[in-house]
Amino acid sequence: MMRQGSGIVYGGVDTHLDVHVTAVIDEAGTLLGTKSFPTSPLGLRQAQRWLAGHGKVAKVGVEGTGTYGLGLTRVLQAAGHEVVEVNRPNRQLRRSKGKSDTVDAEAAARAALTGHATSVPKSRDGLVECLRVLRLADRSAKEQMTRLAGQVAHLAGSRPRGNPR
C-alpha cells in the first residue's frame, strides 16, 4: 500500500507507444519513485493516481504531449494537474548519465521543477485541430490519386499491342 504524501511533488514522463515511464520528485529534487504504466485508458488513470499519491502535484513534465503522450496529457489535465511539454534530454547529457527510460522520466520531472520546461501543450481539439485533420486527409487523398494515376499510366503503357487472337 502506497503511503499518501502531503508535500509538493513534480512528475516526469517518458512516453512510448505501449508504455509510459513515470518519475516523481519532491521540491528538493529527491527522487521519490519511478514506475511504468501501460498506455491503455486504465494505465493512464493509474499513472495519474500514482503521481497524486505522492503528494500535491505542482507540475508534470511530459515528453511528446502531441503524440504518444497525448492521452496521458488529457488525463492529467482533466485531473487538474498542470502539464508542460518537455523536450528530450540533450544527447551529451544522455551519454553521460546513460540512456534509460527512468533517467529520461526523472529528467522530465526535474525540467518541470526547475522551470526549464514551460511550453503548454496544445489542446489538440477545436477548430484548429479540425482544420489540421482536414488538411491531412486532403493531402493523403491527393497523394493516393497521384499514385493511382501512375499505376494506370504504367498499365496502359504495358498492354499488348496489335490484334490479340
C-alpha atoms as a PDB file:
ATOM      1  CA  MET A   1       0.000   0.000   0.000  1.00  0.00           C
ATOM      2  CA  MET A   2       1.415   3.361  -1.020  1.00  0.00           C
ATOM      3  CA  ARG A   3       1.658   5.986   1.697  1.00  0.00           C
ATOM      4  CA  GLN A   4      -0.243   9.153   0.803  1.00  0.00           C
ATOM      5  CA  GLY A   5       2.217  12.039   0.526  1.00  0.00           C
ATOM      6  CA  SER A   6       1.457  15.502   1.798  1.00  0.00           C
ATOM      7  CA  GLY A   7       4.220  17.604   0.223  1.00  0.00           C
ATOM      8  CA  ILE A   8       4.531  19.272  -3.164  1.00  0.00           C
ATOM      9  CA  VAL A   9       5.777  16.925  -5.896  1.00  0.00           C
ATOM     10  CA  TYR A  10       6.726  17.146  -9.561  1.00  0.00           C
ATOM     11  CA  GLY A  11       6.194  14.419 -12.118  1.00  0.00           C
ATOM     12  CA  GLY A  12       8.012  13.484 -15.276  1.00  0.00           C
ATOM     13  CA  VAL A  13       7.011  11.061 -18.004  1.00  0.00           C
ATOM     14  CA  ASP A  14       8.997   9.406 -20.800  1.00  0.00           C
ATOM     15  CA  THR A  15       6.300   8.368 -23.272  1.00  0.00           C
ATOM     16  CA  HIS A  16       6.279   5.443 -25.686  1.00  0.00           C
ATOM     17  CA  LEU A  17       3.757   3.599 -27.834  1.00  0.00           C
ATOM     18  CA  ASP A  18       2.972   0.804 -25.358  1.00  0.00           C
ATOM     19  CA  VAL A  19       4.253   2.035 -22.001  1.00  0.00           C
ATOM     20  CA  HIS A  20       4.915   5.324 -20.207  1.00  0.00           C
ATOM     21  CA  VAL A  21       7.693   5.533 -17.630  1.00  0.00           C
ATOM     22  CA  THR A  22       6.846   7.941 -14.829  1.00  0.00           C
ATOM     23  CA  ALA A  23       9.035   9.535 -12.151  1.00  0.00           C
ATOM     24  CA  VAL A  24       8.123  11.715  -9.201  1.00  0.00           C
ATOM     25  CA  ILE A  25      10.407  14.042  -7.221  1.00  0.00           C
ATOM     26  CA  ASP A  26       9.826  16.336  -4.264  1.00  0.00           C
ATOM     27  CA  GLU A  27      10.502  20.087  -4.031  1.00  0.00           C
ATOM     28  CA  ALA A  28      14.129  19.424  -3.055  1.00  0.00           C
ATOM     29  CA  GLY A  29      14.651  17.278  -6.155  1.00  0.00           C
ATOM     30  CA  THR A  30      14.770  13.973  -4.293  1.00  0.00           C
ATOM     31  CA  LEU A  31      13.587  11.076  -6.432  1.00  0.00           C
ATOM     32  CA  LEU A  32      10.578   9.509  -4.694  1.00  0.00           C
ATOM     33  CA  GLY A  33       9.996   6.752  -7.215  1.00  0.00           C
ATOM     34  CA  THR A  34       9.657   5.586 -10.793  1.00  0.00           C
ATOM     35  CA  LYS A  35       7.070   3.275 -12.286  1.00  0.00           C
ATOM     36  CA  SER A  36       5.915   2.109 -15.719  1.00  0.00           C
ATOM     37  CA  PHE A  37       2.291   2.128 -16.827  1.00  0.00           C
ATOM     38  CA  PRO A  38       0.602   0.742 -19.955  1.00  0.00           C
ATOM     39  CA  THR A  39      -0.847   3.285 -22.366  1.00  0.00           C
ATOM     40  CA  SER A  40      -4.344   1.839 -22.025  1.00  0.00           C
ATOM     41  CA  PRO A  41      -7.055   4.102 -20.581  1.00  0.00           C
ATOM     42  CA  LEU A  42      -6.782   2.207 -17.278  1.00  0.00           C
ATOM     43  CA  GLY A  43      -2.977   2.535 -17.288  1.00  0.00           C
ATOM     44  CA  LEU A  44      -3.190   6.298 -17.878  1.00  0.00           C
ATOM     45  CA  ARG A  45      -5.572   6.716 -14.923  1.00  0.00           C
ATOM     46  CA  GLN A  46      -3.282   4.540 -12.774  1.00  0.00           C
ATOM     47  CA  ALA A  47      -0.311   6.769 -13.674  1.00  0.00           C
ATOM     48  CA  GLN A  48      -2.259   9.871 -12.650  1.00  0.00           C
ATOM     49  CA  ARG A  49      -3.329   8.315  -9.332  1.00  0.00           C
ATOM     50  CA  TRP A  50       0.212   7.083  -8.659  1.00  0.00           C
ATOM     51  CA  LEU A  51       1.621  10.587  -9.147  1.00  0.00           C
ATOM     52  CA  ALA A  52      -1.064  12.149  -6.949  1.00  0.00           C
ATOM     53  CA  GLY A  53      -0.441   9.519  -4.281  1.00  0.00           C
ATOM     54  CA  HIS A  54       2.953  11.068  -3.574  1.00  0.00           C
ATOM     55  CA  GLY A  55       1.594  14.487  -2.645  1.00  0.00           C
ATOM     56  CA  LYS A  56       0.155  17.619  -4.208  1.00  0.00           C
ATOM     57  CA  VAL A  57       1.275  17.565  -7.842  1.00  0.00           C
ATOM     58  CA  ALA A  58       2.577  21.015  -8.764  1.00  0.00           C
ATOM     59  CA  LYS A  59       3.506  20.250 -12.360  1.00  0.00           C
ATOM     60  CA  VAL A  60       4.124  17.277 -14.657  1.00  0.00           C
ATOM     61  CA  GLY A  61       6.669  17.337 -17.478  1.00  0.00           C
ATOM     62  CA  VAL A  62       5.632  15.059 -20.338  1.00  0.00           C
ATOM     63  CA  GLU A  63       7.621  14.189 -23.451  1.00  0.00           C
ATOM     64  CA  GLY A  64       5.595  14.040 -26.663  1.00  0.00           C
ATOM     65  CA  THR A  65       2.360  15.684 -25.498  1.00  0.00           C
ATOM     66  CA  GLY A  66       1.116  15.802 -29.094  1.00  0.00           C
ATOM     67  CA  THR A  67       1.962  12.185 -29.961  1.00  0.00           C
ATOM     68  CA  TYR A  68       2.467   9.259 -27.574  1.00  0.00           C
ATOM     69  CA  GLY A  69       1.792  11.431 -24.532  1.00  0.00           C
ATOM     70  CA  LEU A  70      -1.449  12.990 -25.772  1.00  0.00           C
ATOM     71  CA  GLY A  71      -3.758  10.605 -23.918  1.00  0.00           C
ATOM     72  CA  LEU A  72      -1.840  10.952 -20.671  1.00  0.00           C
ATOM     73  CA  THR A  73      -1.737  14.732 -21.047  1.00  0.00           C
ATOM     74  CA  ARG A  74      -5.527  14.800 -21.319  1.00  0.00           C
ATOM     75  CA  VAL A  75      -5.956  12.550 -18.260  1.00  0.00           C
ATOM     76  CA  LEU A  76      -3.567  14.673 -16.189  1.00  0.00           C
ATOM     77  CA  GLN A  77      -5.199  17.937 -17.243  1.00  0.00           C
ATOM     78  CA  ALA A  78      -8.685  16.549 -16.544  1.00  0.00           C
ATOM     79  CA  ALA A  79      -7.475  15.722 -13.015  1.00  0.00           C
ATOM     80  CA  GLY A  80      -6.428  19.362 -12.586  1.00  0.00           C
ATOM     81  CA  HIS A  81      -2.670  18.939 -12.971  1.00  0.00           C
ATOM     82  CA  GLU A  82      -0.526  21.474 -14.811  1.00  0.00           C
ATOM     83  CA  VAL A  83       1.249  19.740 -17.714  1.00  0.00           C
ATOM     84  CA  VAL A  84       4.261  21.127 -19.580  1.00  0.00           C
ATOM     85  CA  GLU A  85       5.909  19.834 -22.737  1.00  0.00           C
ATOM     86  CA  VAL A  86       9.422  18.509 -22.153  1.00  0.00           C
ATOM     87  CA  ASN A  87      11.952  18.137 -24.930  1.00  0.00           C
ATOM     88  CA  ARG A  88      14.137  15.065 -24.990  1.00  0.00           C
ATOM     89  CA  PRO A  89      17.285  15.469 -22.904  1.00  0.00           C
ATOM     90  CA  ASN A  90      20.267  16.568 -24.964  1.00  0.00           C
ATOM     91  CA  ARG A  91      22.442  13.776 -26.336  1.00  0.00           C
ATOM     92  CA  GLN A  92      25.525  14.790 -24.352  1.00  0.00           C
ATOM     93  CA  LEU A  93      23.605  14.583 -21.062  1.00  0.00           C
ATOM     94  CA  ARG A  94      22.066  11.271 -22.099  1.00  0.00           C
ATOM     95  CA  ARG A  95      25.524   9.834 -22.864  1.00  0.00           C
ATOM     96  CA  SER A  96      26.981  10.979 -19.535  1.00  0.00           C
ATOM     97  CA  LYS A  97      24.124   9.590 -17.409  1.00  0.00           C
ATOM     98  CA  GLY A  98      23.309   6.601 -19.592  1.00  0.00           C
ATOM     99  CA  LYS A  99      20.189   6.124 -21.662  1.00  0.00           C
ATOM    100  CA  SER A 100      17.239   4.678 -19.854  1.00  0.00           C
ATOM    101  CA  ASP A 101      13.578   5.483 -19.721  1.00  0.00           C
ATOM    102  CA  THR A 102      13.697   6.029 -15.956  1.00  0.00           C
ATOM    103  CA  VAL A 103      16.548   8.535 -16.371  1.00  0.00           C
ATOM    104  CA  ASP A 104      14.521  10.350 -19.048  1.00  0.00           C
ATOM    105  CA  ALA A 105      11.401  10.401 -16.842  1.00  0.00           C
ATOM    106  CA  GLU A 106      13.414  11.776 -13.931  1.00  0.00           C
ATOM    107  CA  ALA A 107      14.943  14.416 -16.220  1.00  0.00           C
ATOM    108  CA  ALA A 108      11.429  15.423 -17.318  1.00  0.00           C
ATOM    109  CA  ALA A 109      10.391  15.830 -13.667  1.00  0.00           C
ATOM    110  CA  ARG A 110      13.487  17.939 -12.974  1.00  0.00           C
ATOM    111  CA  ALA A 111      12.732  20.112 -16.016  1.00  0.00           C
ATOM    112  CA  ALA A 112       9.256  20.729 -14.595  1.00  0.00           C
ATOM    113  CA  LEU A 113      10.696  21.514 -11.142  1.00  0.00           C
ATOM    114  CA  THR A 114      13.374  23.928 -12.356  1.00  0.00           C
ATOM    115  CA  GLY A 115      11.166  25.690 -14.877  1.00  0.00           C
ATOM    116  CA  HIS A 116      13.222  24.578 -17.882  1.00  0.00           C
ATOM    117  CA  ALA A 117      10.038  23.106 -19.343  1.00  0.00           C
ATOM    118  CA  THR A 118       7.456  25.848 -19.767  1.00  0.00           C
ATOM    119  CA  SER A 119       5.608  25.060 -23.015  1.00  0.00           C
ATOM    120  CA  VAL A 120       1.918  24.447 -22.501  1.00  0.00           C
ATOM    121  CA  PRO A 121       0.781  21.504 -24.653  1.00  0.00           C
ATOM    122  CA  LYS A 122      -1.640  22.219 -27.474  1.00  0.00           C
ATOM    123  CA  SER A 123      -5.147  21.055 -26.683  1.00  0.00           C
ATOM    124  CA  ARG A 124      -5.468  19.088 -29.920  1.00  0.00           C
ATOM    125  CA  ASP A 125      -9.162  19.858 -30.197  1.00  0.00           C
ATOM    126  CA  GLY A 126     -11.368  22.631 -31.521  1.00  0.00           C
ATOM    127  CA  LEU A 127     -11.354  24.352 -34.886  1.00  0.00           C
ATOM    128  CA  VAL A 128      -7.591  24.319 -35.381  1.00  0.00           C
ATOM    129  CA  GLU A 129      -7.447  20.557 -34.885  1.00  0.00           C
ATOM    130  CA  CYS A 130     -10.397  20.042 -37.254  1.00  0.00           C
ATOM    131  CA  LEU A 131      -8.602  22.032 -39.940  1.00  0.00           C
ATOM    132  CA  ARG A 132      -5.367  20.090 -39.350  1.00  0.00           C
ATOM    133  CA  VAL A 133      -7.203  16.778 -39.805  1.00  0.00           C
ATOM    134  CA  LEU A 134      -8.955  18.012 -42.959  1.00  0.00           C
ATOM    135  CA  ARG A 135      -5.642  19.202 -44.449  1.00  0.00           C
ATOM    136  CA  LEU A 136      -4.067  15.854 -43.622  1.00  0.00           C
ATOM    137  CA  ALA A 137      -6.950  13.965 -45.277  1.00  0.00           C
ATOM    138  CA  ASP A 138      -6.777  16.230 -48.344  1.00  0.00           C
ATOM    139  CA  ARG A 139      -3.022  15.749 -48.713  1.00  0.00           C
ATOM    140  CA  SER A 140      -3.374  11.983 -48.271  1.00  0.00           C
ATOM    141  CA  ALA A 141      -6.147  11.790 -50.894  1.00  0.00           C
ATOM    142  CA  LYS A 142      -4.081  13.795 -53.398  1.00  0.00           C
ATOM    143  CA  GLU A 143      -1.041  11.553 -52.836  1.00  0.00           C
ATOM    144  CA  GLN A 144      -3.199   8.440 -53.335  1.00  0.00           C
ATOM    145  CA  MET A 145      -4.706   9.858 -56.562  1.00  0.00           C
ATOM    146  CA  THR A 146      -1.209  10.611 -57.874  1.00  0.00           C
ATOM    147  CA  ARG A 147      -0.138   7.012 -57.126  1.00  0.00           C
ATOM    148  CA  LEU A 148      -3.242   5.610 -58.816  1.00  0.00           C
ATOM    149  CA  ALA A 149      -2.735   7.790 -61.908  1.00  0.00           C
ATOM    150  CA  GLY A 150       0.839   6.475 -62.153  1.00  0.00           C
ATOM    151  CA  GLN A 151      -0.340   2.873 -61.887  1.00  0.00           C
ATOM    152  CA  VAL A 152      -2.982   3.391 -64.592  1.00  0.00           C
ATOM    153  CA  ALA A 153      -0.411   5.022 -66.882  1.00  0.00           C
ATOM    154  CA  HIS A 154       2.001   2.126 -66.287  1.00  0.00           C
ATOM    155  CA  LEU A 155      -0.705  -0.452 -67.018  1.00  0.00           C
ATOM    156  CA  ALA A 156      -1.805   1.408 -70.158  1.00  0.00           C
ATOM    157  CA  GLY A 157       1.776   1.557 -71.363  1.00  0.00           C
ATOM    158  CA  SER A 158       2.368  -2.156 -70.791  1.00  0.00           C
ATOM    159  CA  ARG A 159      -0.722  -3.501 -72.545  1.00  0.00           C
ATOM    160  CA  PRO A 160      -0.200  -5.753 -75.561  1.00  0.00           C
ATOM    161  CA  ARG A 161      -0.238  -4.042 -78.966  1.00  0.00           C
ATOM    162  CA  GLY A 162      -1.884  -5.244 -82.081  1.00  0.00           C
ATOM    163  CA  ASN A 163      -4.812  -7.570 -82.654  1.00  0.00           C
ATOM    164  CA  PRO A 164      -4.952 -10.309 -79.989  1.00  0.00           C
ATOM    165  CA  ARG A 165      -6.269 -13.718 -81.164  1.00  0.00           C
END
